[in-house]
């Protein structure tokens, strides 16, 4: 297994630069007051698919061989990873199939379809869809793209941390949402090369804690998955991100559904940006860790903004 290097991430930045612009990193006084720290938000929700994963998708598809492109790609996703592969596949003229759970976020489904990918609905959650597409890839000779165990994906998403550190070199802590762990492992690879004093803290949902438990126990742990935040919703960890996180992640915390929903509302109020559950998780964690973060310069990764209107309405009715 190839562990992603800092050089891989620098090369990924060169690969994706013709296709994506750097995303904003803004300070917010209201969030700073709430957390008791100097809070900045990295707006990956400003990507063309509304989430950070497009960086990895472009980097991966750009590096496919001619033979792999001819075969086409297939992957499983709850939404954002699928959008990233669909976007990159359209960019490079590659056939793409995305397996998704039944009842997936309708906005993400529509986006994947509009980007030209085929969608196969299967099962109740991400891991059901993953097992289905793994079998389909084998039977139809497609290039299976893992949502986590792909070095090019990790290197691609690691580029947002390069942008954070370049724009805010004196940052003390970067808080990153974790589903599969590509974003957090990319962040660790960058900061532990540039400045090991910068802390990276991962955050996952209490109701989908497989990556957290695997990191904590140093072994593969599968767990229940009942969170509304589909970007955090995996029942099983990915080996590549876990190998990096075990070496370099400074801490890992869990947040409740209520804490995530409150953070969605606070992000909307103080930044005027819509955050999906995973995109609000970093703020939820910062609020939980406010005593530890007091007085520090903190970057929160708003990983995505693809929250459905129905879910937003539900959250607003509960939290306001």
Protein backbone atom coordinates (compact mmCIF):
# COMPACT_ATOMS: atom_id res chain seq x y z
CA UNK A 1 0.00 0.00 0.00
CA UNK A 2 1.44 3.34 -1.10
CA UNK A 3 1.24 5.87 1.74
CA UNK A 4 0.69 9.31 0.26
CA UNK A 5 3.66 11.69 0.47
CA UNK A 6 3.92 15.46 0.52
CA UNK A 7 5.43 15.27 -2.97
CA UNK A 8 2.32 13.40 -4.17
CA UNK A 9 0.17 16.28 -2.93
CA UNK A 10 2.37 18.90 -4.61
CA UNK A 11 2.10 16.97 -7.86
CA UNK A 12 -1.67 16.67 -7.39
CA UNK A 13 -1.94 20.43 -7.07
CA UNK A 14 -0.20 20.84 -10.42
CA UNK A 15 -2.58 18.28 -11.94
CA UNK A 16 -5.80 19.89 -10.73
CA UNK A 17 -4.74 23.55 -11.07
CA UNK A 18 -6.00 23.91 -14.68
CA UNK A 19 -9.45 22.71 -13.58
CA UNK A 20 -10.09 24.12 -10.08
CA UNK A 21 -9.41 27.41 -8.37
CA UNK A 22 -8.30 27.63 -4.72
CA UNK A 23 -11.27 27.98 -2.36
CA UNK A 24 -11.65 30.88 0.10
CA UNK A 25 -10.42 30.83 3.69
CA UNK A 26 -12.29 33.48 5.67
CA UNK A 27 -12.27 34.57 9.34
CA UNK A 28 -15.61 34.97 11.12
CA UNK A 29 -16.00 37.11 14.20
CA UNK A 30 -19.26 35.49 15.25
CA UNK A 31 -17.78 32.00 15.20
CA UNK A 32 -14.64 33.24 16.93
CA UNK A 33 -16.76 34.63 19.77
CA UNK A 34 -18.66 31.36 20.10
CA UNK A 35 -15.54 29.19 20.18
CA UNK A 36 -13.28 31.60 22.08
CA UNK A 37 -10.60 31.30 19.41
CA UNK A 38 -9.71 32.97 16.12
CA UNK A 39 -11.85 30.91 13.77
CA UNK A 40 -11.33 30.65 10.00
CA UNK A 41 -13.44 28.57 7.63
CA UNK A 42 -12.08 26.78 4.55
CA UNK A 43 -14.96 26.91 2.09
CA UNK A 44 -14.80 23.67 0.16
CA UNK A 45 -18.55 24.12 -0.31
CA UNK A 46 -17.53 26.62 -3.03
CA UNK A 47 -16.24 23.84 -5.29
CA UNK A 48 -18.16 23.26 -8.57
CA UNK A 49 -19.86 20.18 -7.07
CA UNK A 50 -20.26 21.80 -3.65
CA UNK A 51 -17.71 19.60 -1.86
CA UNK A 52 -13.97 18.98 -1.43
CA UNK A 53 -13.87 15.54 -3.01
CA UNK A 54 -13.78 16.89 -6.56
CA UNK A 55 -10.07 17.57 -5.99
CA UNK A 56 -9.42 13.87 -5.56
CA UNK A 57 -11.70 12.84 -8.40
CA UNK A 58 -9.87 15.01 -10.92
CA UNK A 59 -6.46 13.88 -9.71
CA UNK A 60 -7.43 10.22 -9.92
CA UNK A 61 -9.11 10.25 -13.33
CA UNK A 62 -6.28 12.36 -14.75
CA UNK A 63 -3.88 9.55 -13.84
CA UNK A 64 -5.87 6.64 -15.26
CA UNK A 65 -4.20 4.69 -18.03
CA UNK A 66 -5.68 4.72 -21.54
CA UNK A 67 -6.84 1.15 -20.94
CA UNK A 68 -8.60 2.09 -17.69
CA UNK A 69 -10.31 5.06 -19.35
CA UNK A 70 -11.54 2.83 -22.15
CA UNK A 71 -13.02 0.38 -19.63
CA UNK A 72 -14.82 3.08 -17.65
CA UNK A 73 -14.96 3.63 -13.90
CA UNK A 74 -17.38 2.57 -11.20
CA UNK A 75 -17.63 3.65 -7.60
CA UNK A 76 -19.95 3.73 -4.59
CA UNK A 77 -21.00 6.92 -2.86
CA UNK A 78 -23.59 8.62 -0.70
CA UNK A 79 -23.15 11.65 -2.93
CA UNK A 80 -20.08 13.86 -2.80
CA UNK A 81 -17.52 11.26 -3.87
CA UNK A 82 -19.88 10.19 -6.64
CA UNK A 83 -20.17 13.78 -7.82
CA UNK A 84 -16.39 14.10 -7.85
CA UNK A 85 -15.93 11.00 -10.02
CA UNK A 86 -18.81 12.03 -12.31
CA UNK A 87 -17.34 15.52 -12.70
CA UNK A 88 -13.87 14.23 -13.46
CA UNK A 89 -15.16 11.53 -15.80
CA UNK A 90 -17.04 14.13 -17.84
CA UNK A 91 -13.93 16.32 -17.89
CA UNK A 92 -11.81 13.53 -19.36
CA UNK A 93 -14.45 11.77 -21.46
CA UNK A 94 -14.70 8.59 -19.38
CA UNK A 95 -17.81 6.48 -18.74
CA UNK A 96 -18.77 6.52 -15.06
CA UNK A 97 -21.18 4.45 -12.97
CA UNK A 98 -22.03 5.43 -9.39
CA UNK A 99 -23.69 3.01 -6.99
CA UNK A 100 -25.78 4.80 -4.36
CA UNK A 101 -27.96 3.65 -1.46
CA UNK A 102 -31.72 3.82 -1.80
CA UNK A 103 -33.06 7.14 -0.52
CA UNK A 104 -29.85 9.11 -1.21
CA UNK A 105 -29.80 12.90 -1.03
CA UNK A 106 -31.91 13.94 -4.06
CA UNK A 107 -29.76 16.98 -4.82
CA UNK A 108 -26.62 14.85 -5.00
CA UNK A 109 -28.43 12.26 -7.13
CA UNK A 110 -29.53 14.95 -9.58
CA UNK A 111 -26.04 16.42 -9.74
CA UNK A 112 -24.42 13.06 -10.52
CA UNK A 113 -27.00 12.41 -13.21
CA UNK A 114 -26.58 15.88 -14.72
CA UNK A 115 -22.83 15.32 -14.89
CA UNK A 116 -23.49 12.35 -17.16
CA UNK A 117 -22.83 9.39 -14.86
CA UNK A 118 -25.07 6.33 -14.65
CA UNK A 119 -26.59 5.65 -11.23
CA UNK A 120 -27.38 2.24 -9.78
CA UNK A 121 -29.36 2.32 -6.54
CA UNK A 122 -28.67 -0.55 -4.16
CA UNK A 123 -29.05 -1.23 -0.45
CA UNK A 124 -29.72 0.85 2.60
CA UNK A 125 -26.34 2.55 3.08
CA UNK A 126 -22.92 3.24 1.58
CA UNK A 127 -21.45 -0.15 2.41
CA UNK A 128 -24.33 -2.01 0.78
CA UNK A 129 -23.76 0.04 -2.37
CA UNK A 130 -20.00 -0.53 -2.15
CA UNK A 131 -20.31 -4.31 -2.06
CA UNK A 132 -22.68 -4.18 -5.03
CA UNK A 133 -20.37 -2.08 -7.22
CA UNK A 134 -17.30 -4.12 -6.29
CA UNK A 135 -19.07 -7.19 -7.69
CA UNK A 136 -20.27 -5.29 -10.77
CA UNK A 137 -16.77 -3.98 -11.46
CA UNK A 138 -15.46 -7.54 -11.43
CA UNK A 139 -18.19 -8.92 -13.71
CA UNK A 140 -18.10 -6.08 -16.25
CA UNK A 141 -14.37 -5.31 -16.24
CA UNK A 142 -14.77 -1.74 -14.99
CA UNK A 143 -12.08 0.17 -13.11
CA UNK A 144 -13.35 0.15 -9.51
CA UNK A 145 -12.59 3.38 -7.63
CA UNK A 146 -12.53 2.99 -3.86
CA UNK A 147 -13.92 5.97 -1.96
CA UNK A 148 -10.93 5.85 0.39
CA UNK A 149 -8.19 3.40 -0.60
CA UNK A 150 -6.89 5.43 -3.54
CA UNK A 151 -3.63 7.33 -3.19
CA UNK A 152 -4.58 9.79 -5.94
CA UNK A 153 -7.81 10.67 -4.10
CA UNK A 154 -5.97 11.36 -0.85
CA UNK A 155 -3.29 13.38 -2.62
CA UNK A 156 -5.90 15.41 -4.47
CA UNK A 157 -7.93 16.36 -1.42
CA UNK A 158 -4.72 17.09 0.46
CA UNK A 159 -4.35 20.18 -1.70
CA UNK A 160 -6.93 22.12 0.31
CA UNK A 161 -4.63 21.90 3.33
CA UNK A 162 -1.76 23.27 1.26
CA UNK A 163 -4.00 26.26 0.59
CA UNK A 164 -4.83 26.65 4.29
CA UNK A 165 -1.20 26.61 5.41
CA UNK A 166 -0.08 28.97 2.66
CA UNK A 167 -2.85 31.47 3.42
CA UNK A 168 -2.59 31.10 7.22
CA UNK A 169 0.94 29.88 8.03
CA UNK A 170 0.53 30.53 11.77
CA UNK A 171 -2.58 28.36 12.08
CA UNK A 172 -2.51 26.30 15.29
CA UNK A 173 -5.25 23.72 14.67
CA UNK A 174 -7.09 22.36 11.63
CA UNK A 175 -10.37 20.55 12.35
CA UNK A 176 -11.42 18.11 9.62
CA UNK A 177 -14.60 16.04 9.20
CA UNK A 178 -14.01 12.30 8.72
CA UNK A 179 -16.12 9.84 6.79
CA UNK A 180 -13.66 7.63 4.98
CA UNK A 181 -10.77 9.79 6.12
CA UNK A 182 -9.21 11.02 2.85
CA UNK A 183 -9.44 14.68 3.84
CA UNK A 184 -7.97 14.18 7.31
CA UNK A 185 -5.16 11.94 6.07
CA UNK A 186 -4.29 14.45 3.36
CA UNK A 187 -4.28 17.23 5.98
CA UNK A 188 -1.96 15.23 8.23
CA UNK A 189 0.44 14.54 5.37
CA UNK A 190 0.71 18.25 4.56
CA UNK A 191 1.05 19.75 8.03
CA UNK A 192 3.36 17.12 9.48
CA UNK A 193 5.74 17.87 6.60
CA UNK A 194 5.50 21.66 6.67
CA UNK A 195 5.05 22.30 10.40
CA UNK A 196 4.50 19.35 12.77
CA UNK A 197 3.41 21.78 15.51
CA UNK A 198 0.11 22.32 13.69
CA UNK A 199 -2.50 19.99 15.13
CA UNK A 200 -5.00 18.11 12.99
CA UNK A 201 -8.17 17.00 14.77
CA UNK A 202 -10.63 14.66 13.08
CA UNK A 203 -14.36 14.62 13.82
CA UNK A 204 -16.94 11.96 13.10
CA UNK A 205 -20.58 11.41 14.06
CA UNK A 206 -21.36 9.46 17.23
CA UNK A 207 -23.83 7.44 15.17
CA UNK A 208 -21.23 6.44 12.56
CA UNK A 209 -18.00 5.94 14.53
CA UNK A 210 -16.13 3.25 12.56
CA UNK A 211 -13.16 5.43 11.55
CA UNK A 212 -12.92 6.86 15.07
CA UNK A 213 -13.02 3.44 16.73
CA UNK A 214 -10.52 1.99 14.26
CA UNK A 215 -8.10 4.86 14.92
CA UNK A 216 -8.62 4.64 18.68
CA UNK A 217 -8.13 0.88 18.91
CA UNK A 218 -5.46 0.54 16.23
CA UNK A 219 -7.39 -2.14 14.39
CA UNK A 220 -10.20 -2.42 11.87
CA UNK A 221 -13.56 -1.84 13.58
CA UNK A 222 -16.93 -1.89 11.84
CA UNK A 223 -19.76 -0.04 13.55
CA UNK A 224 -23.36 1.06 13.18
CA UNK A 225 -24.27 3.88 10.84
CA UNK A 226 -27.36 5.93 11.64
CA UNK A 227 -26.27 9.56 11.19
CA UNK A 228 -28.16 11.97 8.94
CA UNK A 229 -24.77 13.38 7.83
CA UNK A 230 -24.13 11.18 4.81
CA UNK A 231 -20.60 12.53 4.35
CA UNK A 232 -19.67 10.99 7.72
CA UNK A 233 -21.64 7.79 7.20
CA UNK A 234 -19.48 4.71 6.76
CA UNK A 235 -19.84 1.36 8.51
CA UNK A 236 -16.28 0.22 7.78
CA UNK A 237 -12.94 2.08 7.76
CA UNK A 238 -10.58 2.43 4.80
CA UNK A 239 -7.10 1.00 5.26
CA UNK A 240 -5.09 3.70 3.46
CA UNK A 241 -6.44 6.71 5.39
CA UNK A 242 -6.29 4.76 8.64
CA UNK A 243 -2.60 3.96 8.11
CA UNK A 244 -1.86 7.68 7.73
CA UNK A 245 -4.15 8.80 10.56
CA UNK A 246 -2.58 6.34 13.01
CA UNK A 247 0.82 7.87 12.32
CA UNK A 248 -0.06 11.54 12.27
CA UNK A 249 -3.55 12.50 13.51
CA UNK A 250 -3.32 14.45 16.77
CA UNK A 251 -6.82 13.75 18.06
CA UNK A 252 -10.23 12.47 17.04
CA UNK A 253 -13.60 13.42 18.53
CA UNK A 254 -17.22 12.37 18.10
CA UNK A 255 -20.17 14.74 17.90
CA UNK A 256 -23.88 14.07 18.35
CA UNK A 257 -26.62 14.56 15.79
CA UNK A 258 -27.91 17.50 17.81
CA UNK A 259 -24.46 19.12 17.86
CA UNK A 260 -24.14 18.74 14.09
CA UNK A 261 -27.58 20.23 13.48
CA UNK A 262 -26.84 23.17 15.75
CA UNK A 263 -23.61 23.75 13.83
CA UNK A 264 -25.51 23.77 10.51
CA UNK A 265 -27.65 26.62 11.83
CA UNK A 266 -24.68 28.50 13.26
CA UNK A 267 -22.76 28.23 9.98
CA UNK A 268 -25.75 29.63 8.14
CA UNK A 269 -26.18 32.44 10.66
CA UNK A 270 -22.55 33.54 10.96
CA UNK A 271 -21.07 32.76 7.52
CA UNK A 272 -24.19 32.88 5.32
CA UNK A 273 -23.09 29.55 3.86
CA UNK A 274 -25.14 26.38 3.74
CA UNK A 275 -23.30 23.43 5.31
CA UNK A 276 -24.34 19.81 4.99
CA UNK A 277 -23.93 17.65 8.09
CA UNK A 278 -20.31 16.74 7.37
CA UNK A 279 -19.56 20.34 6.44
CA UNK A 280 -20.80 21.56 9.83
CA UNK A 281 -19.07 18.82 11.84
CA UNK A 282 -15.81 20.74 12.26
CA UNK A 283 -17.67 23.62 13.93
CA UNK A 284 -19.55 21.15 16.13
CA UNK A 285 -16.20 19.72 17.25
CA UNK A 286 -14.68 23.17 17.84
CA UNK A 287 -17.58 24.10 20.10
CA UNK A 288 -17.13 20.85 21.99
CA UNK A 289 -13.38 21.52 22.37
CA UNK A 290 -13.63 25.26 23.07
CA UNK A 291 -11.63 25.13 26.32
CA UNK A 292 -8.77 23.37 24.55
CA UNK A 293 -8.91 25.74 21.56
CA UNK A 294 -9.17 28.96 23.58
CA UNK A 295 -6.99 31.71 22.16
CA UNK A 296 -5.70 29.60 19.26
CA UNK A 297 -5.92 30.20 15.52
CA UNK A 298 -8.27 27.51 14.23
CA UNK A 299 -9.19 26.51 10.66
CA UNK A 300 -12.46 24.61 10.22
CA UNK A 301 -12.93 22.65 7.02
CA UNK A 302 -16.43 23.17 5.64
CA UNK A 303 -16.17 20.08 3.48
CA UNK A 304 -19.47 20.48 1.63
CA UNK A 305 -22.71 22.36 1.32
CA UNK A 306 -24.99 19.82 -0.35
CA UNK A 307 -27.77 19.78 2.22
CA UNK A 308 -31.23 19.02 0.85
CA UNK A 309 -33.96 21.63 1.31
CA UNK A 310 -36.08 19.07 3.14
CA UNK A 311 -33.28 18.36 5.62
CA UNK A 312 -32.56 22.07 6.05
CA UNK A 313 -36.22 22.75 6.79
CA UNK A 314 -36.25 19.95 9.35
CA UNK A 315 -33.11 21.25 11.07
CA UNK A 316 -34.36 24.83 11.17
CA UNK A 317 -37.65 23.72 12.70
CA UNK A 318 -35.77 21.83 15.41
CA UNK A 319 -33.02 24.34 16.15
CA UNK A 320 -34.68 27.76 15.79
